[in-house]
Amino acid sequence: MKCLPEDVIFAARQAAATVEGAPIAVTFDRIASFKRKRKARPLVLCSKGGLMPLVRLHVQLGVGMHNTGLREYRSQFYAAYDAAL
């Protein structure tokens, strides 16, 4: 198994510490996948609604990752999150 460098683990913990909010419950009601040229096909968990808490978590983690230098972050979830506010 490949181990992550200590500085990446430290940055990830810092990013996780920036997340605020109550525990969330998420229900997925179906799975999907799609064809790709490679053998590996992604498995996608889907839900008909009620995902805004998960979107908020995704955005908060992404911003925390960006702020700790883990990677450049921009997601389509920003538009959904901003629209919900």
PDB file of N, CA and C in Angstrom:
ATOM      1  N   MET A   1       0.845  -1.174   0.000  1.00  0.00           N
ATOM      2  CA  MET A   1       0.000   0.000   0.000  1.00  0.00           C
ATOM      3  C   MET A   1       0.893   1.242   0.000  1.00  0.00           C
ATOM      4  N   LYS A   2       0.504   2.224  -0.771  1.00  0.00           N
ATOM      5  CA  LYS A   2       1.268   3.458  -0.895  1.00  0.00           C
ATOM      6  C   LYS A   2       0.881   4.428   0.229  1.00  0.00           C
ATOM      7  N   CYS A   3       1.871   4.967   0.914  1.00  0.00           N
ATOM      8  CA  CYS A   3       1.621   5.909   2.005  1.00  0.00           C
ATOM      9  C   CYS A   3       1.718   7.341   1.505  1.00  0.00           C
ATOM     10  N   LEU A   4       0.926   8.192   2.109  1.00  0.00           N
ATOM     11  CA  LEU A   4       0.980   9.615   1.771  1.00  0.00           C
ATOM     12  C   LEU A   4       2.113  10.282   2.537  1.00  0.00           C
ATOM     13  N   PRO A   5       2.720  11.301   1.959  1.00  0.00           N
ATOM     14  CA  PRO A   5       3.753  12.055   2.668  1.00  0.00           C
ATOM     15  C   PRO A   5       3.158  12.747   3.903  1.00  0.00           C
ATOM     16  N   GLU A   6       3.965  12.880   4.935  1.00  0.00           N
ATOM     17  CA  GLU A   6       3.508  13.490   6.187  1.00  0.00           C
ATOM     18  C   GLU A   6       2.963  14.899   5.985  1.00  0.00           C
ATOM     19  N   ASP A   7       3.574  15.692   5.084  1.00  0.00           N
ATOM     20  CA  ASP A   7       3.086  17.058   4.881  1.00  0.00           C
ATOM     21  C   ASP A   7       1.696  17.067   4.250  1.00  0.00           C
ATOM     22  N   VAL A   8       1.386  16.080   3.426  1.00  0.00           N
ATOM     23  CA  VAL A   8       0.053  15.984   2.828  1.00  0.00           C
ATOM     24  C   VAL A   8      -0.967  15.583   3.892  1.00  0.00           C
ATOM     25  N   ILE A   9      -0.604  14.648   4.747  1.00  0.00           N
ATOM     26  CA  ILE A   9      -1.488  14.238   5.840  1.00  0.00           C
ATOM     27  C   ILE A   9      -1.754  15.414   6.768  1.00  0.00           C
ATOM     28  N   PHE A  10      -0.722  16.170   7.099  1.00  0.00           N
ATOM     29  CA  PHE A  10      -0.874  17.340   7.962  1.00  0.00           C
ATOM     30  C   PHE A  10      -1.815  18.358   7.324  1.00  0.00           C
ATOM     31  N   ALA A  11      -1.631  18.638   6.035  1.00  0.00           N
ATOM     32  CA  ALA A  11      -2.482  19.607   5.334  1.00  0.00           C
ATOM     33  C   ALA A  11      -3.924  19.112   5.268  1.00  0.00           C
ATOM     34  N   ALA A  12      -4.120  17.819   5.053  1.00  0.00           N
ATOM     35  CA  ALA A  12      -5.474  17.263   5.002  1.00  0.00           C
ATOM     36  C   ALA A  12      -6.168  17.403   6.353  1.00  0.00           C
ATOM     37  N   ARG A  13      -5.439  17.184   7.419  1.00  0.00           N
ATOM     38  CA  ARG A  13      -6.021  17.358   8.762  1.00  0.00           C
ATOM     39  C   ARG A  13      -6.375  18.815   9.021  1.00  0.00           C
ATOM     40  N   GLN A  14      -5.524  19.722   8.568  1.00  0.00           N
ATOM     41  CA  GLN A  14      -5.832  21.145   8.701  1.00  0.00           C
ATOM     42  C   GLN A  14      -7.092  21.492   7.916  1.00  0.00           C
ATOM     43  N   ALA A  15      -7.214  20.983   6.707  1.00  0.00           N
ATOM     44  CA  ALA A  15      -8.397  21.243   5.880  1.00  0.00           C
ATOM     45  C   ALA A  15      -9.652  20.691   6.553  1.00  0.00           C
ATOM     46  N   ALA A  16      -9.572  19.482   7.088  1.00  0.00           N
ATOM     47  CA  ALA A  16     -10.726  18.874   7.755  1.00  0.00           C
ATOM     48  C   ALA A  16     -11.140  19.664   8.989  1.00  0.00           C
ATOM     49  N   ALA A  17     -10.182  20.268   9.668  1.00  0.00           N
ATOM     50  CA  ALA A  17     -10.486  21.046  10.873  1.00  0.00           C
ATOM     51  C   ALA A  17     -11.267  22.316  10.558  1.00  0.00           C
ATOM     52  N   THR A  18     -11.291  22.744   9.301  1.00  0.00           N
ATOM     53  CA  THR A  18     -12.022  23.965   8.938  1.00  0.00           C
ATOM     54  C   THR A  18     -13.504  23.708   8.701  1.00  0.00           C
ATOM     55  N   VAL A  19     -13.911  22.445   8.625  1.00  0.00           N
ATOM     56  CA  VAL A  19     -15.311  22.113   8.352  1.00  0.00           C
ATOM     57  C   VAL A  19     -16.154  22.398   9.583  1.00  0.00           C
ATOM     58  N   GLU A  20     -17.251  23.118   9.363  1.00  0.00           N
ATOM     59  CA  GLU A  20     -18.167  23.449  10.451  1.00  0.00           C
ATOM     60  C   GLU A  20     -19.551  22.917  10.117  1.00  0.00           C
ATOM     61  N   GLY A  21     -20.274  22.503  11.133  1.00  0.00           N
ATOM     62  CA  GLY A  21     -21.647  22.070  10.916  1.00  0.00           C
ATOM     63  C   GLY A  21     -21.964  20.825  11.715  1.00  0.00           C
ATOM     64  N   ALA A  22     -23.251  20.564  11.797  1.00  0.00           N
ATOM     65  CA  ALA A  22     -23.739  19.393  12.519  1.00  0.00           C
ATOM     66  C   ALA A  22     -23.529  18.142  11.663  1.00  0.00           C
ATOM     67  N   PRO A  23     -23.552  16.982  12.293  1.00  0.00           N
ATOM     68  CA  PRO A  23     -23.482  15.741  11.515  1.00  0.00           C
ATOM     69  C   PRO A  23     -24.619  15.697  10.492  1.00  0.00           C
ATOM     70  N   ILE A  24     -24.367  15.076   9.357  1.00  0.00           N
ATOM     71  CA  ILE A  24     -25.380  15.012   8.306  1.00  0.00           C
ATOM     72  C   ILE A  24     -25.742  13.565   8.008  1.00  0.00           C
ATOM     73  N   ALA A  25     -26.965  13.383   7.531  1.00  0.00           N
ATOM     74  CA  ALA A  25     -27.418  12.073   7.069  1.00  0.00           C
ATOM     75  C   ALA A  25     -27.715  12.202   5.580  1.00  0.00           C
ATOM     76  N   VAL A  26     -27.212  11.271   4.807  1.00  0.00           N
ATOM     77  CA  VAL A  26     -27.416  11.289   3.363  1.00  0.00           C
ATOM     78  C   VAL A  26     -27.946   9.922   2.946  1.00  0.00           C
ATOM     79  N   THR A  27     -28.962   9.933   2.097  1.00  0.00           N
ATOM     80  CA  THR A  27     -29.520   8.690   1.581  1.00  0.00           C
ATOM     81  C   THR A  27     -29.335   8.648   0.076  1.00  0.00           C
ATOM     82  N   PHE A  28     -28.703   7.608  -0.403  1.00  0.00           N
ATOM     83  CA  PHE A  28     -28.548   7.396  -1.838  1.00  0.00           C
ATOM     84  C   PHE A  28     -29.570   6.348  -2.254  1.00  0.00           C
ATOM     85  N   ASP A  29     -30.293   6.604  -3.342  1.00  0.00           N
ATOM     86  CA  ASP A  29     -31.366   5.697  -3.726  1.00  0.00           C
ATOM     87  C   ASP A  29     -31.111   4.928  -5.022  1.00  0.00           C
ATOM     88  N   ARG A  30     -29.996   5.183  -5.667  1.00  0.00           N
ATOM     89  CA  ARG A  30     -29.662   4.429  -6.875  1.00  0.00           C
ATOM     90  C   ARG A  30     -28.174   4.577  -7.180  1.00  0.00           C
ATOM     91  N   ILE A  31     -27.681   3.700  -8.020  1.00  0.00           N
ATOM     92  CA  ILE A  31     -26.293   3.781  -8.466  1.00  0.00           C
ATOM     93  C   ILE A  31     -26.282   3.863  -9.990  1.00  0.00           C
ATOM     94  N   ALA A  32     -25.231   4.432 -10.512  1.00  0.00           N
ATOM     95  CA  ALA A  32     -25.089   4.556 -11.962  1.00  0.00           C
ATOM     96  C   ALA A  32     -23.618   4.407 -12.321  1.00  0.00           C
ATOM     97  N   SER A  33     -23.377   4.222 -13.583  1.00  0.00           N
ATOM     98  CA  SER A  33     -22.029   4.183 -14.113  1.00  0.00           C
ATOM     99  C   SER A  33     -22.104   4.615 -15.567  1.00  0.00           C
ATOM    100  N   PHE A  34     -20.981   4.765 -16.205  1.00  0.00           N
ATOM    101  CA  PHE A  34     -20.971   5.113 -17.615  1.00  0.00           C
ATOM    102  C   PHE A  34     -19.738   4.516 -18.262  1.00  0.00           C
ATOM    103  N   LYS A  35     -19.841   4.324 -19.558  1.00  0.00           N
ATOM    104  CA  LYS A  35     -18.750   3.692 -20.298  1.00  0.00           C
ATOM    105  C   LYS A  35     -17.584   4.646 -20.471  1.00  0.00           C
ATOM    106  N   ARG A  36     -16.407   4.079 -20.392  1.00  0.00           N
ATOM    107  CA  ARG A  36     -15.173   4.817 -20.638  1.00  0.00           C
ATOM    108  C   ARG A  36     -14.297   3.961 -21.530  1.00  0.00           C
ATOM    109  N   LYS A  37     -13.304   4.579 -22.116  1.00  0.00           N
ATOM    110  CA  LYS A  37     -12.378   3.829 -22.973  1.00  0.00           C
ATOM    111  C   LYS A  37     -11.564   2.827 -22.164  1.00  0.00           C
ATOM    112  N   ARG A  38     -11.245   3.217 -20.930  1.00  0.00           N
ATOM    113  CA  ARG A  38     -10.499   2.304 -20.064  1.00  0.00           C
ATOM    114  C   ARG A  38     -11.454   1.301 -19.423  1.00  0.00           C
ATOM    115  N   LYS A  39     -10.887   0.236 -18.899  1.00  0.00           N
ATOM    116  CA  LYS A  39     -11.714  -0.783 -18.251  1.00  0.00           C
ATOM    117  C   LYS A  39     -12.421  -0.258 -17.008  1.00  0.00           C
ATOM    118  N   ALA A  40     -11.723   0.527 -16.232  1.00  0.00           N
ATOM    119  CA  ALA A  40     -12.291   1.017 -14.977  1.00  0.00           C
ATOM    120  C   ALA A  40     -13.469   1.946 -15.266  1.00  0.00           C
ATOM    121  N   ARG A  41     -14.605   1.611 -14.706  1.00  0.00           N
ATOM    122  CA  ARG A  41     -15.798   2.438 -14.875  1.00  0.00           C
ATOM    123  C   ARG A  41     -16.175   3.017 -13.523  1.00  0.00           C
ATOM    124  N   PRO A  42     -16.457   4.296 -13.459  1.00  0.00           N
ATOM    125  CA  PRO A  42     -16.804   4.907 -12.180  1.00  0.00           C
ATOM    126  C   PRO A  42     -18.159   4.423 -11.678  1.00  0.00           C
ATOM    127  N   LEU A  43     -18.280   4.321 -10.382  1.00  0.00           N
ATOM    128  CA  LEU A  43     -19.543   4.019  -9.731  1.00  0.00           C
ATOM    129  C   LEU A  43     -20.032   5.318  -9.115  1.00  0.00           C
ATOM    130  N   VAL A  44     -21.239   5.719  -9.452  1.00  0.00           N
ATOM    131  CA  VAL A  44     -21.783   6.995  -8.998  1.00  0.00           C
ATOM    132  C   VAL A  44     -22.985   6.724  -8.105  1.00  0.00           C
ATOM    133  N   LEU A  45     -22.954   7.245  -6.885  1.00  0.00           N
ATOM    134  CA  LEU A  45     -24.090   7.134  -5.975  1.00  0.00           C
ATOM    135  C   LEU A  45     -24.999   8.330  -6.216  1.00  0.00           C
ATOM    136  N   CYS A  46     -26.300   8.081  -6.376  1.00  0.00           N
ATOM    137  CA  CYS A  46     -27.244   9.144  -6.735  1.00  0.00           C
ATOM    138  C   CYS A  46     -28.357   9.254  -5.703  1.00  0.00           C
ATOM    139  N   SER A  47     -28.976  10.429  -5.658  1.00  0.00           N
ATOM    140  CA  SER A  47     -30.095  10.685  -4.769  1.00  0.00           C
ATOM    141  C   SER A  47     -31.048  11.646  -5.452  1.00  0.00           C
ATOM    142  N   LYS A  48     -32.319  11.511  -5.153  1.00  0.00           N
ATOM    143  CA  LYS A  48     -33.314  12.396  -5.758  1.00  0.00           C
ATOM    144  C   LYS A  48     -33.328  13.772  -5.117  1.00  0.00           C
ATOM    145  N   GLY A  49     -32.747  13.925  -3.977  1.00  0.00           N
ATOM    146  CA  GLY A  49     -32.758  15.242  -3.352  1.00  0.00           C
ATOM    147  C   GLY A  49     -32.189  15.216  -1.955  1.00  0.00           C
ATOM    148  N   GLY A  50     -32.216  16.371  -1.322  1.00  0.00           N
ATOM    149  CA  GLY A  50     -31.738  16.483   0.043  1.00  0.00           C
ATOM    150  C   GLY A  50     -30.233  16.413   0.187  1.00  0.00           C
ATOM    151  N   LEU A  51     -29.515  16.790  -0.866  1.00  0.00           N
ATOM    152  CA  LEU A  51     -28.062  16.672  -0.830  1.00  0.00           C
ATOM    153  C   LEU A  51     -27.350  17.971  -0.462  1.00  0.00           C
ATOM    154  N   MET A  52     -28.082  19.028  -0.169  1.00  0.00           N
ATOM    155  CA  MET A  52     -27.429  20.302   0.120  1.00  0.00           C
ATOM    156  C   MET A  52     -26.426  20.197   1.277  1.00  0.00           C
ATOM    157  N   PRO A  53     -26.714  19.463   2.355  1.00  0.00           N
ATOM    158  CA  PRO A  53     -25.684  19.326   3.400  1.00  0.00           C
ATOM    159  C   PRO A  53     -24.408  18.671   2.877  1.00  0.00           C
ATOM    160  N   LEU A  54     -24.538  17.707   1.985  1.00  0.00           N
ATOM    161  CA  LEU A  54     -23.364  17.057   1.403  1.00  0.00           C
ATOM    162  C   LEU A  54     -22.616  18.015   0.483  1.00  0.00           C
ATOM    163  N   VAL A  55     -23.350  18.832  -0.252  1.00  0.00           N
ATOM    164  CA  VAL A  55     -22.727  19.838  -1.117  1.00  0.00           C
ATOM    165  C   VAL A  55     -21.949  20.837  -0.267  1.00  0.00           C
ATOM    166  N   ARG A  56     -22.546  21.283   0.845  1.00  0.00           N
ATOM    167  CA  ARG A  56     -21.850  22.211   1.755  1.00  0.00           C
ATOM    168  C   ARG A  56     -20.561  21.584   2.278  1.00  0.00           C
ATOM    169  N   LEU A  57     -20.628  20.315   2.676  1.00  0.00           N
ATOM    170  CA  LEU A  57     -19.437  19.611   3.158  1.00  0.00           C
ATOM    171  C   LEU A  57     -18.375  19.552   2.063  1.00  0.00           C
ATOM    172  N   HIS A  58     -18.786  19.226   0.858  1.00  0.00           N
ATOM    173  CA  HIS A  58     -17.864  19.151  -0.278  1.00  0.00           C
ATOM    174  C   HIS A  58     -17.167  20.491  -0.505  1.00  0.00           C
ATOM    175  N   VAL A  59     -17.937  21.554  -0.485  1.00  0.00           N
ATOM    176  CA  VAL A  59     -17.368  22.887  -0.719  1.00  0.00           C
ATOM    177  C   VAL A  59     -16.437  23.279   0.423  1.00  0.00           C
ATOM    178  N   GLN A  60     -16.860  23.053   1.667  1.00  0.00           N
ATOM    179  CA  GLN A  60     -16.008  23.407   2.807  1.00  0.00           C
ATOM    180  C   GLN A  60     -14.687  22.645   2.764  1.00  0.00           C
ATOM    181  N   LEU A  61     -14.738  21.363   2.460  1.00  0.00           N
ATOM    182  CA  LEU A  61     -13.493  20.591   2.355  1.00  0.00           C
ATOM    183  C   LEU A  61     -12.626  21.097   1.207  1.00  0.00           C
ATOM    184  N   GLY A  62     -13.251  21.408   0.089  1.00  0.00           N
ATOM    185  CA  GLY A  62     -12.497  21.918  -1.056  1.00  0.00           C
ATOM    186  C   GLY A  62     -11.812  23.231  -0.761  1.00  0.00           C
ATOM    187  N   VAL A  63     -12.522  24.130  -0.099  1.00  0.00           N
ATOM    188  CA  VAL A  63     -11.929  25.421   0.264  1.00  0.00           C
ATOM    189  C   VAL A  63     -10.798  25.207   1.262  1.00  0.00           C
ATOM    190  N   GLY A  64     -11.026  24.336   2.245  1.00  0.00           N
ATOM    191  CA  GLY A  64      -9.972  24.029   3.212  1.00  0.00           C
ATOM    192  C   GLY A  64      -8.747  23.433   2.544  1.00  0.00           C
ATOM    193  N   MET A  65      -8.958  22.552   1.565  1.00  0.00           N
ATOM    194  CA  MET A  65      -7.836  21.961   0.829  1.00  0.00           C
ATOM    195  C   MET A  65      -7.078  23.031   0.053  1.00  0.00           C
ATOM    196  N   HIS A  66      -7.808  23.907  -0.588  1.00  0.00           N
ATOM    197  CA  HIS A  66      -7.164  24.990  -1.340  1.00  0.00           C
ATOM    198  C   HIS A  66      -6.343  25.874  -0.395  1.00  0.00           C
ATOM    199  N   ASN A  67      -6.944  26.222   0.742  1.00  0.00           N
ATOM    200  CA  ASN A  67      -6.273  27.130   1.678  1.00  0.00           C
ATOM    201  C   ASN A  67      -5.049  26.513   2.343  1.00  0.00           C
ATOM    202  N   THR A  68      -4.989  25.188   2.395  1.00  0.00           N
ATOM    203  CA  THR A  68      -3.805  24.530   2.970  1.00  0.00           C
ATOM    204  C   THR A  68      -2.809  24.123   1.893  1.00  0.00           C
ATOM    205  N   GLY A  69      -3.103  24.481   0.644  1.00  0.00           N
ATOM    206  CA  GLY A  69      -2.167  24.227  -0.441  1.00  0.00           C
ATOM    207  C   GLY A  69      -2.193  22.822  -1.005  1.00  0.00           C
ATOM    208  N   LEU A  70      -3.232  22.049  -0.705  1.00  0.00           N
ATOM    209  CA  LEU A  70      -3.267  20.680  -1.223  1.00  0.00           C
ATOM    210  C   LEU A  70      -3.439  20.637  -2.733  1.00  0.00           C
ATOM    211  N   ARG A  71      -4.288  21.495  -3.259  1.00  0.00           N
ATOM    212  CA  ARG A  71      -4.472  21.543  -4.707  1.00  0.00           C
ATOM    213  C   ARG A  71      -5.319  22.753  -5.052  1.00  0.00           C
ATOM    214  N   GLU A  72      -5.266  23.132  -6.281  1.00  0.00           N
ATOM    215  CA  GLU A  72      -6.140  24.192  -6.773  1.00  0.00           C
ATOM    216  C   GLU A  72      -7.552  23.619  -6.798  1.00  0.00           C
ATOM    217  N   TYR A  73      -8.524  24.371  -6.309  1.00  0.00           N
ATOM    218  CA  TYR A  73      -9.860  23.811  -6.150  1.00  0.00           C
ATOM    219  C   TYR A  73     -10.910  24.692  -6.797  1.00  0.00           C
ATOM    220  N   ARG A  74     -11.702  24.095  -7.609  1.00  0.00           N
ATOM    221  CA  ARG A  74     -12.894  24.751  -8.166  1.00  0.00           C
ATOM    222  C   ARG A  74     -13.838  23.634  -8.587  1.00  0.00           C
ATOM    223  N   SER A  75     -15.083  23.758  -8.268  1.00  0.00           N
ATOM    224  CA  SER A  75     -16.014  22.678  -8.529  1.00  0.00           C
ATOM    225  C   SER A  75     -17.339  23.203  -9.035  1.00  0.00           C
ATOM    226  N   GLN A  76     -18.056  22.353  -9.758  1.00  0.00           N
ATOM    227  CA  GLN A  76     -19.388  22.718 -10.198  1.00  0.00           C
ATOM    228  C   GLN A  76     -20.332  22.842  -9.011  1.00  0.00           C
ATOM    229  N   PHE A  77     -19.952  22.289  -7.856  1.00  0.00           N
ATOM    230  CA  PHE A  77     -20.800  22.396  -6.684  1.00  0.00           C
ATOM    231  C   PHE A  77     -20.884  23.829  -6.173  1.00  0.00           C
ATOM    232  N   TYR A  78     -19.885  24.647  -6.474  1.00  0.00           N
ATOM    233  CA  TYR A  78     -19.938  26.038  -6.043  1.00  0.00           C
ATOM    234  C   TYR A  78     -21.203  26.717  -6.537  1.00  0.00           C
ATOM    235  N   ALA A  79     -21.545  26.527  -7.794  1.00  0.00           N
ATOM    236  CA  ALA A  79     -22.725  27.174  -8.369  1.00  0.00           C
ATOM    237  C   ALA A  79     -23.984  26.732  -7.634  1.00  0.00           C
ATOM    238  N   ALA A  80     -24.115  25.445  -7.357  1.00  0.00           N
ATOM    239  CA  ALA A  80     -25.285  24.936  -6.642  1.00  0.00           C
ATOM    240  C   ALA A  80     -25.320  25.466  -5.216  1.00  0.00           C
ATOM    241  N   TYR A  81     -24.167  25.520  -4.576  1.00  0.00           N
ATOM    242  CA  TYR A  81     -24.092  26.002  -3.203  1.00  0.00           C
ATOM    243  C   TYR A  81     -24.426  27.485  -3.134  1.00  0.00           C
ATOM    244  N   ASP A  82     -23.829  28.281  -4.014  1.00  0.00           N
ATOM    245  CA  ASP A  82     -24.093  29.718  -4.037  1.00  0.00           C
ATOM    246  C   ASP A  82     -25.560  30.004  -4.335  1.00  0.00           C
ATOM    247  N   ALA A  83     -26.161  29.240  -5.236  1.00  0.00           N
ATOM    248  CA  ALA A  83     -27.563  29.450  -5.591  1.00  0.00           C
ATOM    249  C   ALA A  83     -28.483  29.141  -4.421  1.00  0.00           C
ATOM    250  N   ALA A  84     -28.074  28.198  -3.572  1.00  0.00           N
ATOM    251  CA  ALA A  84     -28.910  27.814  -2.435  1.00  0.00           C
ATOM    252  C   ALA A  84     -28.851  28.823  -1.300  1.00  0.00           C
ATOM    253  N   LEU A  85     -27.825  29.643  -1.273  1.00  0.00           N
ATOM    254  CA  LEU A  85     -27.696  30.625  -0.192  1.00  0.00           C
ATOM    255  C   LEU A  85     -28.565  31.785  -0.423  1.00  0.00           C
TER     256      LEU A  85
END
